[in-house]
Amino acid sequence: MSIQVIYQSLPIAKEPRFRLQDGGLFIELDSPMPVATALQVTAGEHSLSGKVRRVREGAGAGMLVVPTDMVKLPRWLLGLGAEVGAGVEFEPEPAPPAPVVEVKPAEPVAEAKPAEPVVEAKPAEPVAEAKPVEPVAEAKPAEAKPADGSAEAAPSKQTPAEAANGDEDDEDGKSTTKAGDKKPAASKAKKKPRRR
């Protein structure tokens, strides 16, 4: 592939011989442009803006064009088959395009079920205190019944205190017996005086 040198939109050299050296393109021309002249070098759809840095006249006449927009030469110049000399640096190769990774749609996430409500434990109800058991009166052995078959008087339902009060009432001559109360026959016997 060949290059074309353009000055102010006019081509000044078509398919000249060139080589890459000293950080630019040395283009062989019988009538080189003066130093600091802005030029454009094209090759197909590629283009390089530069300026003349050095001129050489006589045998092997030509000019050295260096890029103005960048420090290093573009890599497309390597594809032109030019001779590469000393002091030439090229831009780094562009990073290869990242491989296309097929992205699968995410699987739907199962909805989380709401947690069951926590049942609070109620404190145990206090246990009712046991009431003391009333002492059971001991059963007295039954007295022997008289052989004659006479009935014995029923026991009194009075407490000993009531019986004592009743004894005092009897001394006063008053009877405190209630209807339905039965006094044993033995209570009419002679009473002993109480000690105080």
N, C-alpha and C. Protein backbone atom coordinates (compact mmCIF):
# COMPACT_ATOMS: atom_id res chain seq x y z
N MET A 1 0.85 -1.16 0.00
CA MET A 1 0.00 0.00 0.00
C MET A 1 0.90 1.23 0.00
N SER A 2 0.51 2.23 -0.66
CA SER A 2 1.35 3.44 -0.77
C SER A 2 0.71 4.60 0.01
N ILE A 3 1.55 5.65 0.20
CA ILE A 3 1.08 6.84 0.92
C ILE A 3 0.96 8.00 -0.04
N GLN A 4 0.30 9.03 0.45
CA GLN A 4 0.16 10.28 -0.31
C GLN A 4 0.45 11.41 0.66
N VAL A 5 1.23 12.41 0.25
CA VAL A 5 1.57 13.56 1.09
C VAL A 5 0.73 14.74 0.60
N ILE A 6 0.03 15.40 1.55
CA ILE A 6 -0.89 16.50 1.21
C ILE A 6 -0.45 17.75 1.96
N TYR A 7 -0.39 18.89 1.21
CA TYR A 7 -0.08 20.19 1.81
C TYR A 7 -1.24 21.11 1.49
N GLN A 8 -1.89 21.66 2.49
CA GLN A 8 -3.04 22.55 2.36
C GLN A 8 -4.07 22.00 1.37
N SER A 9 -4.43 20.78 1.56
CA SER A 9 -5.44 20.05 0.78
C SER A 9 -4.99 19.73 -0.66
N LEU A 10 -3.71 20.00 -1.02
CA LEU A 10 -3.20 19.67 -2.36
C LEU A 10 -2.16 18.56 -2.22
N PRO A 11 -2.28 17.49 -3.02
CA PRO A 11 -1.26 16.44 -2.97
C PRO A 11 0.04 16.91 -3.59
N ILE A 12 1.17 16.73 -2.83
CA ILE A 12 2.48 17.14 -3.34
C ILE A 12 3.33 15.93 -3.73
N ALA A 13 2.94 14.73 -3.24
CA ALA A 13 3.69 13.52 -3.61
C ALA A 13 2.76 12.32 -3.53
N LYS A 14 2.73 11.54 -4.62
CA LYS A 14 1.92 10.32 -4.65
C LYS A 14 2.88 9.14 -4.74
N GLU A 15 2.67 8.19 -3.85
CA GLU A 15 3.44 6.95 -3.76
C GLU A 15 4.95 7.18 -3.68
N PRO A 16 5.41 8.10 -2.81
CA PRO A 16 6.86 8.26 -2.66
C PRO A 16 7.43 7.10 -1.84
N ARG A 17 8.74 6.94 -1.93
CA ARG A 17 9.41 5.94 -1.08
C ARG A 17 9.58 6.56 0.31
N PHE A 18 9.47 5.77 1.33
CA PHE A 18 9.60 6.28 2.72
C PHE A 18 10.11 5.15 3.62
N ARG A 19 10.61 5.56 4.76
CA ARG A 19 11.05 4.61 5.80
C ARG A 19 10.71 5.21 7.16
N LEU A 20 10.55 4.37 8.17
CA LEU A 20 10.22 4.81 9.52
C LEU A 20 11.54 4.93 10.30
N GLN A 21 11.83 6.13 10.78
CA GLN A 21 13.07 6.37 11.56
C GLN A 21 12.91 7.60 12.43
N ASP A 22 13.70 7.67 13.50
CA ASP A 22 13.79 8.82 14.41
C ASP A 22 12.42 9.36 14.85
N GLY A 23 11.47 8.49 15.10
CA GLY A 23 10.16 8.92 15.62
C GLY A 23 9.24 9.47 14.56
N GLY A 24 9.51 9.27 13.26
CA GLY A 24 8.64 9.78 12.20
C GLY A 24 8.83 9.03 10.90
N LEU A 25 8.36 9.65 9.79
CA LEU A 25 8.48 9.06 8.45
C LEU A 25 9.49 9.90 7.66
N PHE A 26 10.50 9.25 7.16
CA PHE A 26 11.41 9.97 6.26
C PHE A 26 10.92 9.71 4.84
N ILE A 27 10.37 10.78 4.25
CA ILE A 27 9.79 10.67 2.90
C ILE A 27 10.82 11.22 1.90
N GLU A 28 11.20 10.40 0.89
CA GLU A 28 12.20 10.83 -0.11
C GLU A 28 11.50 11.70 -1.16
N LEU A 29 11.99 12.95 -1.28
CA LEU A 29 11.48 13.91 -2.26
C LEU A 29 12.66 14.74 -2.79
N ASP A 30 12.64 15.09 -4.11
CA ASP A 30 13.71 15.92 -4.66
C ASP A 30 13.58 17.36 -4.14
N SER A 31 12.35 17.81 -3.89
CA SER A 31 12.15 19.18 -3.40
C SER A 31 11.35 19.11 -2.09
N PRO A 32 12.06 18.89 -0.95
CA PRO A 32 11.35 18.79 0.33
C PRO A 32 10.79 20.14 0.76
N MET A 33 9.77 20.09 1.62
CA MET A 33 9.13 21.29 2.17
C MET A 33 10.01 21.83 3.31
N PRO A 34 9.90 23.14 3.61
CA PRO A 34 10.71 23.72 4.68
C PRO A 34 10.34 23.15 6.07
N VAL A 35 11.25 23.28 7.04
CA VAL A 35 11.04 22.81 8.42
C VAL A 35 9.83 23.52 9.01
N ALA A 36 9.03 22.83 9.84
CA ALA A 36 7.83 23.29 10.55
C ALA A 36 6.61 23.42 9.64
N THR A 37 6.70 22.93 8.39
CA THR A 37 5.54 22.96 7.50
C THR A 37 4.57 21.86 7.93
N ALA A 38 3.26 22.21 8.06
CA ALA A 38 2.24 21.23 8.44
C ALA A 38 1.84 20.43 7.22
N LEU A 39 1.86 19.10 7.35
CA LEU A 39 1.52 18.20 6.26
C LEU A 39 0.56 17.12 6.78
N GLN A 40 -0.03 16.44 5.82
CA GLN A 40 -0.89 15.30 6.18
C GLN A 40 -0.48 14.12 5.32
N VAL A 41 -0.28 12.98 5.94
CA VAL A 41 0.10 11.75 5.24
C VAL A 41 -1.10 10.81 5.33
N THR A 42 -1.55 10.30 4.17
CA THR A 42 -2.71 9.41 4.16
C THR A 42 -2.35 8.09 3.50
N ALA A 43 -3.08 7.05 3.87
CA ALA A 43 -2.94 5.72 3.26
C ALA A 43 -4.32 5.08 3.37
N GLY A 44 -5.03 5.05 2.27
CA GLY A 44 -6.39 4.50 2.29
C GLY A 44 -7.27 5.37 3.16
N GLU A 45 -7.88 4.78 4.14
CA GLU A 45 -8.75 5.55 5.05
C GLU A 45 -8.00 6.07 6.27
N HIS A 46 -6.72 5.71 6.43
CA HIS A 46 -5.93 6.18 7.57
C HIS A 46 -5.28 7.53 7.24
N SER A 47 -5.09 8.32 8.30
CA SER A 47 -4.49 9.65 8.10
C SER A 47 -3.63 10.00 9.30
N LEU A 48 -2.52 10.75 9.01
CA LEU A 48 -1.61 11.20 10.07
C LEU A 48 -1.29 12.66 9.84
N SER A 49 -1.59 13.49 10.87
CA SER A 49 -1.23 14.92 10.78
C SER A 49 0.16 15.07 11.38
N GLY A 50 1.04 15.81 10.67
CA GLY A 50 2.40 15.99 11.16
C GLY A 50 3.02 17.28 10.64
N LYS A 51 4.25 17.47 11.00
CA LYS A 51 5.02 18.64 10.54
C LYS A 51 6.44 18.21 10.21
N VAL A 52 7.09 19.01 9.39
CA VAL A 52 8.45 18.69 8.95
C VAL A 52 9.39 19.06 10.10
N ARG A 53 10.20 18.12 10.51
CA ARG A 53 11.15 18.37 11.58
C ARG A 53 12.56 18.61 11.00
N ARG A 54 12.92 17.92 9.94
CA ARG A 54 14.29 18.01 9.39
C ARG A 54 14.21 17.81 7.88
N VAL A 55 15.11 18.51 7.21
CA VAL A 55 15.17 18.41 5.74
C VAL A 55 16.58 17.96 5.35
N ARG A 56 16.67 17.20 4.24
CA ARG A 56 17.98 16.75 3.73
C ARG A 56 17.99 17.01 2.22
N GLU A 57 19.01 17.66 1.79
CA GLU A 57 19.11 17.99 0.35
C GLU A 57 20.29 17.23 -0.27
N GLY A 58 20.33 17.19 -1.55
CA GLY A 58 21.40 16.47 -2.26
C GLY A 58 21.01 15.05 -2.52
N ALA A 59 22.01 14.14 -2.50
CA ALA A 59 21.74 12.72 -2.76
C ALA A 59 20.92 12.18 -1.61
N GLY A 60 19.81 11.50 -1.93
CA GLY A 60 18.92 10.96 -0.89
C GLY A 60 18.12 12.04 -0.23
N ALA A 61 17.77 13.08 -1.03
CA ALA A 61 17.02 14.21 -0.47
C ALA A 61 15.66 13.75 0.05
N GLY A 62 15.19 14.49 1.04
CA GLY A 62 13.88 14.18 1.60
C GLY A 62 13.61 14.97 2.87
N MET A 63 12.55 14.63 3.56
CA MET A 63 12.16 15.34 4.80
C MET A 63 11.64 14.33 5.83
N LEU A 64 11.87 14.67 7.10
CA LEU A 64 11.38 13.82 8.20
C LEU A 64 10.09 14.46 8.72
N VAL A 65 8.96 13.73 8.62
CA VAL A 65 7.66 14.21 9.12
C VAL A 65 7.33 13.44 10.40
N VAL A 66 7.09 14.22 11.48
CA VAL A 66 6.74 13.60 12.78
C VAL A 66 5.28 13.94 13.10
N PRO A 67 4.59 13.06 13.84
CA PRO A 67 3.19 13.34 14.18
C PRO A 67 3.07 14.50 15.15
N THR A 68 2.04 15.34 14.95
CA THR A 68 1.82 16.49 15.85
C THR A 68 0.86 16.13 16.98
N ASP A 69 -0.04 15.21 16.74
CA ASP A 69 -1.07 14.88 17.74
C ASP A 69 -0.60 13.87 18.78
N MET A 70 0.47 13.16 18.49
CA MET A 70 0.90 12.09 19.39
C MET A 70 2.42 11.98 19.42
N VAL A 71 2.93 11.29 20.41
CA VAL A 71 4.37 11.11 20.56
C VAL A 71 4.83 9.90 19.77
N LYS A 72 4.00 8.85 19.72
CA LYS A 72 4.37 7.60 19.05
C LYS A 72 3.64 7.49 17.72
N LEU A 73 4.20 6.73 16.82
CA LEU A 73 3.61 6.53 15.50
C LEU A 73 2.41 5.57 15.58
N PRO A 74 1.41 5.79 14.72
CA PRO A 74 0.27 4.86 14.72
C PRO A 74 0.68 3.50 14.15
N ARG A 75 0.01 2.46 14.64
CA ARG A 75 0.36 1.09 14.25
C ARG A 75 0.02 0.78 12.80
N TRP A 76 -0.89 1.51 12.18
CA TRP A 76 -1.28 1.21 10.79
C TRP A 76 -0.13 1.41 9.80
N LEU A 77 0.91 2.18 10.23
CA LEU A 77 2.07 2.38 9.35
C LEU A 77 2.86 1.08 9.16
N LEU A 78 2.78 0.18 10.12
CA LEU A 78 3.49 -1.11 10.00
C LEU A 78 2.91 -1.95 8.87
N GLY A 79 1.65 -1.78 8.60
CA GLY A 79 1.01 -2.57 7.55
C GLY A 79 1.36 -2.11 6.14
N LEU A 80 2.13 -1.01 6.03
CA LEU A 80 2.48 -0.48 4.71
C LEU A 80 3.73 -1.14 4.15
N GLY A 81 4.41 -1.95 4.94
CA GLY A 81 5.61 -2.66 4.46
C GLY A 81 6.84 -1.78 4.37
N ALA A 82 6.89 -0.70 5.14
CA ALA A 82 8.04 0.20 5.10
C ALA A 82 9.19 -0.35 5.93
N GLU A 83 10.41 0.11 5.60
CA GLU A 83 11.60 -0.26 6.36
C GLU A 83 11.54 0.46 7.71
N VAL A 84 11.84 -0.23 8.81
CA VAL A 84 11.79 0.36 10.16
C VAL A 84 13.22 0.54 10.64
N GLY A 85 13.61 1.79 10.96
CA GLY A 85 14.96 2.10 11.45
C GLY A 85 14.95 2.25 12.96
N ALA A 86 16.04 2.86 13.47
CA ALA A 86 16.22 3.04 14.91
C ALA A 86 15.36 4.21 15.41
N GLY A 87 15.03 4.16 16.73
CA GLY A 87 14.32 5.27 17.38
C GLY A 87 12.86 5.38 16.99
N VAL A 88 12.27 4.29 16.62
CA VAL A 88 10.86 4.33 16.23
C VAL A 88 10.02 3.63 17.31
N GLU A 89 9.01 4.33 17.78
CA GLU A 89 8.09 3.75 18.77
C GLU A 89 6.68 3.84 18.21
N PHE A 90 5.92 2.80 18.47
CA PHE A 90 4.54 2.75 18.01
C PHE A 90 3.58 2.78 19.20
N GLU A 91 2.39 3.23 18.90
CA GLU A 91 1.35 3.21 19.93
C GLU A 91 1.09 1.76 20.34
N PRO A 92 0.70 1.55 21.58
CA PRO A 92 0.39 0.18 21.99
C PRO A 92 -0.82 -0.34 21.23
N GLU A 93 -0.81 -1.63 21.05
CA GLU A 93 -1.94 -2.24 20.35
C GLU A 93 -3.20 -2.05 21.17
N PRO A 94 -4.28 -1.77 20.48
CA PRO A 94 -5.53 -1.65 21.23
C PRO A 94 -5.88 -2.98 21.86
N ALA A 95 -6.47 -2.89 23.03
CA ALA A 95 -6.84 -4.12 23.73
C ALA A 95 -7.87 -4.88 22.91
N PRO A 96 -7.73 -6.18 22.84
CA PRO A 96 -8.70 -6.96 22.07
C PRO A 96 -10.09 -6.76 22.68
N PRO A 97 -11.08 -6.77 21.83
CA PRO A 97 -12.43 -6.60 22.38
C PRO A 97 -12.75 -7.72 23.36
N ALA A 98 -13.45 -7.35 24.37
CA ALA A 98 -13.80 -8.33 25.39
C ALA A 98 -14.71 -9.38 24.77
N PRO A 99 -14.50 -10.62 25.12
CA PRO A 99 -15.37 -11.67 24.57
C PRO A 99 -16.81 -11.44 24.99
N VAL A 100 -17.69 -11.74 24.06
CA VAL A 100 -19.11 -11.56 24.35
C VAL A 100 -19.56 -12.72 25.23
N VAL A 101 -20.07 -12.37 26.35
CA VAL A 101 -20.54 -13.38 27.29
C VAL A 101 -22.05 -13.37 27.25
N GLU A 102 -22.59 -14.55 27.01
CA GLU A 102 -24.05 -14.64 26.96
C GLU A 102 -24.56 -14.60 28.39
N VAL A 103 -25.43 -13.67 28.61
CA VAL A 103 -25.99 -13.52 29.95
C VAL A 103 -27.36 -14.18 29.97
N LYS A 104 -27.51 -15.13 30.84
CA LYS A 104 -28.79 -15.81 30.97
C LYS A 104 -29.65 -15.02 31.95
N PRO A 105 -30.93 -14.96 31.66
CA PRO A 105 -31.79 -14.25 32.62
C PRO A 105 -31.78 -14.99 33.95
N ALA A 106 -31.81 -14.22 34.98
CA ALA A 106 -31.78 -14.81 36.32
C ALA A 106 -33.07 -15.57 36.58
N GLU A 107 -32.93 -16.67 37.28
CA GLU A 107 -34.12 -17.43 37.64
C GLU A 107 -34.87 -16.65 38.70
N PRO A 108 -36.20 -16.70 38.63
CA PRO A 108 -36.95 -15.95 39.64
C PRO A 108 -36.68 -16.51 41.02
N VAL A 109 -36.57 -15.62 41.93
CA VAL A 109 -36.30 -16.02 43.31
C VAL A 109 -37.63 -16.37 43.96
N ALA A 110 -37.67 -17.51 44.60
CA ALA A 110 -38.90 -17.91 45.29
C ALA A 110 -39.18 -16.92 46.40
N GLU A 111 -40.44 -16.56 46.49
CA GLU A 111 -40.79 -15.60 47.54
C GLU A 111 -40.67 -16.27 48.89
N ALA A 112 -40.16 -15.54 49.81
CA ALA A 112 -40.02 -16.07 51.16
C ALA A 112 -41.37 -16.01 51.85
N LYS A 113 -41.75 -17.11 52.47
CA LYS A 113 -43.01 -17.12 53.20
C LYS A 113 -42.81 -16.38 54.51
N PRO A 114 -43.85 -15.65 54.92
CA PRO A 114 -43.68 -14.93 56.19
C PRO A 114 -43.54 -15.93 57.33
N ALA A 115 -42.74 -15.59 58.25
CA ALA A 115 -42.50 -16.47 59.38
C ALA A 115 -43.77 -16.57 60.21
N GLU A 116 -43.97 -17.76 60.77
CA GLU A 116 -45.13 -17.93 61.62
C GLU A 116 -44.94 -17.10 62.88
N PRO A 117 -46.07 -16.53 63.38
CA PRO A 117 -45.92 -15.68 64.57
C PRO A 117 -45.43 -16.50 65.75
N VAL A 118 -44.63 -15.88 66.53
CA VAL A 118 -44.07 -16.55 67.70
C VAL A 118 -45.12 -16.49 68.80
N VAL A 119 -45.42 -17.63 69.37
CA VAL A 119 -46.40 -17.69 70.45
C VAL A 119 -45.65 -17.46 71.75
N GLU A 120 -46.10 -16.46 72.47
CA GLU A 120 -45.42 -16.17 73.72
C GLU A 120 -45.95 -17.10 74.80
N ALA A 121 -45.06 -17.62 75.58
CA ALA A 121 -45.47 -18.50 76.66
C ALA A 121 -45.98 -17.65 77.81
N LYS A 122 -47.18 -18.00 78.28
CA LYS A 122 -47.74 -17.26 79.41
C LYS A 122 -47.14 -17.82 80.68
N PRO A 123 -46.90 -16.96 81.64
CA PRO A 123 -46.36 -17.49 82.89
C PRO A 123 -47.39 -18.40 83.56
N ALA A 124 -46.91 -19.42 84.19
CA ALA A 124 -47.80 -20.36 84.86
C ALA A 124 -48.56 -19.65 85.97
N GLU A 125 -49.83 -20.02 86.09
CA GLU A 125 -50.62 -19.41 87.16
C GLU A 125 -50.11 -19.95 88.48
N PRO A 126 -50.12 -19.07 89.47
CA PRO A 126 -49.59 -19.53 90.76
C PRO A 126 -50.48 -20.66 91.32
N VAL A 127 -49.83 -21.59 91.91
CA VAL A 127 -50.55 -22.72 92.50
C VAL A 127 -51.10 -22.27 93.84
N ALA A 128 -52.40 -22.56 94.04
CA ALA A 128 -53.02 -22.18 95.32
C ALA A 128 -52.34 -22.95 96.44
N GLU A 129 -52.11 -22.24 97.51
CA GLU A 129 -51.45 -22.90 98.64
C GLU A 129 -52.42 -23.90 99.28
N ALA A 130 -51.87 -24.98 99.64
CA ALA A 130 -52.71 -26.00 100.27
C ALA A 130 -53.10 -25.55 101.67
N LYS A 131 -54.38 -25.70 101.97
CA LYS A 131 -54.85 -25.35 103.33
C LYS A 131 -54.48 -26.50 104.26
N PRO A 132 -54.11 -26.14 105.46
CA PRO A 132 -53.77 -27.23 106.37
C PRO A 132 -54.99 -28.12 106.62
N VAL A 133 -54.73 -29.35 106.69
CA VAL A 133 -55.80 -30.32 106.90
C VAL A 133 -56.20 -30.29 108.37
N GLU A 134 -57.51 -30.19 108.58
CA GLU A 134 -57.98 -30.19 109.97
C GLU A 134 -57.78 -31.58 110.54
N PRO A 135 -57.32 -31.62 111.75
CA PRO A 135 -57.11 -32.94 112.34
C PRO A 135 -58.44 -33.69 112.49
N VAL A 136 -58.36 -34.94 112.18
CA VAL A 136 -59.55 -35.78 112.30
C VAL A 136 -59.60 -36.32 113.73
N ALA A 137 -60.76 -36.19 114.30
CA ALA A 137 -60.91 -36.69 115.68
C ALA A 137 -60.80 -38.20 115.66
N GLU A 138 -60.08 -38.69 116.63
CA GLU A 138 -59.90 -40.13 116.69
C GLU A 138 -61.20 -40.77 117.18
N ALA A 139 -61.51 -41.84 116.53
CA ALA A 139 -62.73 -42.55 116.94
C ALA A 139 -62.45 -43.32 118.24
N LYS A 140 -63.36 -43.16 119.16
CA LYS A 140 -63.21 -43.90 120.43
C LYS A 140 -63.85 -45.25 120.27
N PRO A 141 -63.29 -46.24 120.86
CA PRO A 141 -63.92 -47.56 120.75
C PRO A 141 -65.30 -47.53 121.41
N ALA A 142 -66.17 -48.19 120.76
CA ALA A 142 -67.54 -48.22 121.30
C ALA A 142 -67.56 -48.93 122.64
N GLU A 143 -68.36 -48.35 123.55
CA GLU A 143 -68.47 -48.97 124.87
C GLU A 143 -69.41 -50.16 124.78
N ALA A 144 -69.18 -51.03 125.62
CA ALA A 144 -70.03 -52.23 125.62
C ALA A 144 -71.44 -51.85 126.01
N LYS A 145 -72.41 -52.40 125.31
CA LYS A 145 -73.82 -52.12 125.60
C LYS A 145 -74.25 -52.98 126.78
N PRO A 146 -75.08 -52.42 127.58
CA PRO A 146 -75.56 -53.25 128.71
C PRO A 146 -76.35 -54.44 128.17
N ALA A 147 -76.25 -55.45 128.86
CA ALA A 147 -76.89 -56.68 128.44
C ALA A 147 -78.40 -56.60 128.51
N ASP A 148 -78.91 -55.69 129.33
CA ASP A 148 -80.36 -55.62 129.48
C ASP A 148 -81.02 -54.99 128.26
N GLY A 149 -80.23 -54.41 127.36
CA GLY A 149 -80.76 -53.87 126.11
C GLY A 149 -81.24 -52.45 126.25
N SER A 150 -80.96 -51.82 127.38
CA SER A 150 -81.39 -50.42 127.52
C SER A 150 -80.52 -49.55 126.62
N ALA A 151 -81.14 -48.57 126.07
CA ALA A 151 -80.42 -47.68 125.13
C ALA A 151 -79.61 -46.67 125.88
N GLU A 152 -78.47 -46.37 125.32
CA GLU A 152 -77.60 -45.36 125.94
C GLU A 152 -77.90 -44.03 125.31
N ALA A 153 -77.72 -43.01 126.05
CA ALA A 153 -78.01 -41.66 125.54
C ALA A 153 -77.02 -41.31 124.42
N ALA A 154 -77.51 -40.55 123.45
CA ALA A 154 -76.67 -40.13 122.33
C ALA A 154 -75.64 -39.13 122.80
N PRO A 155 -74.47 -39.08 122.16
CA PRO A 155 -73.45 -38.13 122.60
C PRO A 155 -73.89 -36.70 122.28
N SER A 156 -73.40 -35.76 123.05
CA SER A 156 -73.76 -34.34 122.91
C SER A 156 -73.03 -33.74 121.72
N LYS A 157 -73.70 -32.77 121.06
CA LYS A 157 -73.08 -32.07 119.94
C LYS A 157 -72.44 -30.79 120.39
N GLN A 158 -72.39 -30.57 121.68
CA GLN A 158 -71.80 -29.36 122.21
C GLN A 158 -70.30 -29.51 122.32
N THR A 159 -69.63 -28.35 122.17
CA THR A 159 -68.19 -28.36 122.37
C THR A 159 -67.93 -28.40 123.85
N PRO A 160 -66.72 -28.75 124.25
CA PRO A 160 -66.46 -28.78 125.69
C PRO A 160 -66.70 -27.43 126.34
N ALA A 161 -66.42 -26.31 125.62
CA ALA A 161 -66.64 -24.98 126.20
C ALA A 161 -68.12 -24.74 126.42
N GLU A 162 -68.95 -25.16 125.44
CA GLU A 162 -70.40 -24.99 125.58
C GLU A 162 -70.90 -25.84 126.73
N ALA A 163 -70.34 -27.02 126.82
CA ALA A 163 -70.77 -27.89 127.91
C ALA A 163 -70.42 -27.26 129.24
N ALA A 164 -69.22 -26.62 129.32
CA ALA A 164 -68.83 -25.97 130.57
C ALA A 164 -69.76 -24.82 130.87
N ASN A 165 -70.11 -24.03 129.86
CA ASN A 165 -71.05 -22.91 130.06
C ASN A 165 -72.42 -23.43 130.48
N GLY A 166 -72.78 -24.54 129.92
CA GLY A 166 -74.08 -25.12 130.27
C GLY A 166 -74.10 -25.57 131.72
N ASP A 167 -72.94 -26.05 132.19
CA ASP A 167 -72.88 -26.49 133.58
C ASP A 167 -73.08 -25.32 134.51
N GLU A 168 -72.49 -24.16 134.14
CA GLU A 168 -72.65 -22.97 134.98
C GLU A 168 -74.08 -22.53 134.97
N ASP A 169 -74.75 -22.62 133.80
CA ASP A 169 -76.15 -22.21 133.73
C ASP A 169 -77.01 -23.12 134.59
N ASP A 170 -76.65 -24.40 134.61
CA ASP A 170 -77.43 -25.33 135.42
C ASP A 170 -77.31 -24.99 136.88
N GLU A 171 -76.17 -24.50 137.27
CA GLU A 171 -76.00 -24.12 138.66
C GLU A 171 -76.88 -22.95 139.00
N ASP A 172 -77.10 -22.05 138.01
CA ASP A 172 -77.96 -20.90 138.26
C ASP A 172 -79.42 -21.31 138.21
N GLY A 173 -79.66 -22.48 137.76
CA GLY A 173 -81.03 -22.96 137.71
C GLY A 173 -81.66 -22.74 136.37
N LYS A 174 -80.93 -22.26 135.43
CA LYS A 174 -81.47 -22.03 134.11
C LYS A 174 -81.02 -23.15 133.20
N SER A 175 -81.87 -23.52 132.31
CA SER A 175 -81.52 -24.57 131.37
C SER A 175 -81.22 -23.94 130.03
N THR A 176 -80.07 -24.29 129.42
CA THR A 176 -79.67 -23.73 128.12
C THR A 176 -79.83 -24.74 127.02
N THR A 177 -80.53 -25.79 127.32
CA THR A 177 -80.67 -26.79 126.28
C THR A 177 -81.58 -26.28 125.20
N LYS A 178 -81.24 -26.60 124.04
CA LYS A 178 -82.00 -26.18 122.88
C LYS A 178 -82.84 -27.35 122.44
N ALA A 179 -83.83 -27.01 121.68
CA ALA A 179 -84.66 -28.09 121.16
C ALA A 179 -83.82 -28.94 120.26
N GLY A 180 -83.88 -30.18 120.39
CA GLY A 180 -83.09 -31.09 119.58
C GLY A 180 -81.79 -31.47 120.24
N ASP A 181 -81.33 -30.68 121.25
CA ASP A 181 -80.12 -31.07 121.98
C ASP A 181 -80.50 -32.12 122.99
N LYS A 182 -79.71 -33.10 123.09
CA LYS A 182 -79.96 -34.15 124.08
C LYS A 182 -78.80 -34.17 125.02
N LYS A 183 -79.14 -34.18 126.29
CA LYS A 183 -78.10 -34.29 127.29
C LYS A 183 -78.08 -35.71 127.78
N PRO A 184 -76.94 -36.20 127.97
CA PRO A 184 -76.89 -37.57 128.49
C PRO A 184 -77.49 -37.63 129.88
N ALA A 185 -77.97 -38.75 130.18
CA ALA A 185 -78.58 -38.97 131.49
C ALA A 185 -77.57 -38.79 132.60
N ALA A 186 -76.35 -39.03 132.32
CA ALA A 186 -75.32 -38.91 133.34
C ALA A 186 -75.08 -37.49 133.75
N SER A 187 -75.53 -36.49 132.94
CA SER A 187 -75.29 -35.10 133.26
C SER A 187 -76.10 -34.65 134.46
N LYS A 188 -77.14 -35.38 134.82
CA LYS A 188 -77.95 -35.02 135.97
C LYS A 188 -77.29 -35.48 137.25
N ALA A 189 -76.28 -36.23 137.14
CA ALA A 189 -75.58 -36.70 138.33
C ALA A 189 -74.90 -35.55 138.99
N LYS A 190 -74.39 -35.76 140.13
CA LYS A 190 -73.75 -34.74 140.93
C LYS A 190 -72.52 -34.23 140.24
N LYS A 191 -72.43 -32.92 140.17
CA LYS A 191 -71.33 -32.29 139.46
C LYS A 191 -70.26 -31.89 140.42
N LYS A 192 -69.05 -31.94 139.92
CA LYS A 192 -67.92 -31.55 140.75
C LYS A 192 -67.70 -30.09 140.56
N PRO A 193 -67.38 -29.42 141.60
CA PRO A 193 -67.09 -27.97 141.42
C PRO A 193 -65.81 -27.77 140.60
N ARG A 194 -65.82 -26.72 139.86
CA ARG A 194 -64.70 -26.40 139.01
C ARG A 194 -63.61 -25.69 139.76
N ARG A 195 -62.42 -25.97 139.45
CA ARG A 195 -61.30 -25.29 140.08
C ARG A 195 -60.93 -24.10 139.27
N ARG A 196 -60.65 -23.07 139.99
CA ARG A 196 -60.26 -21.86 139.26
C ARG A 196 -58.87 -21.52 139.50
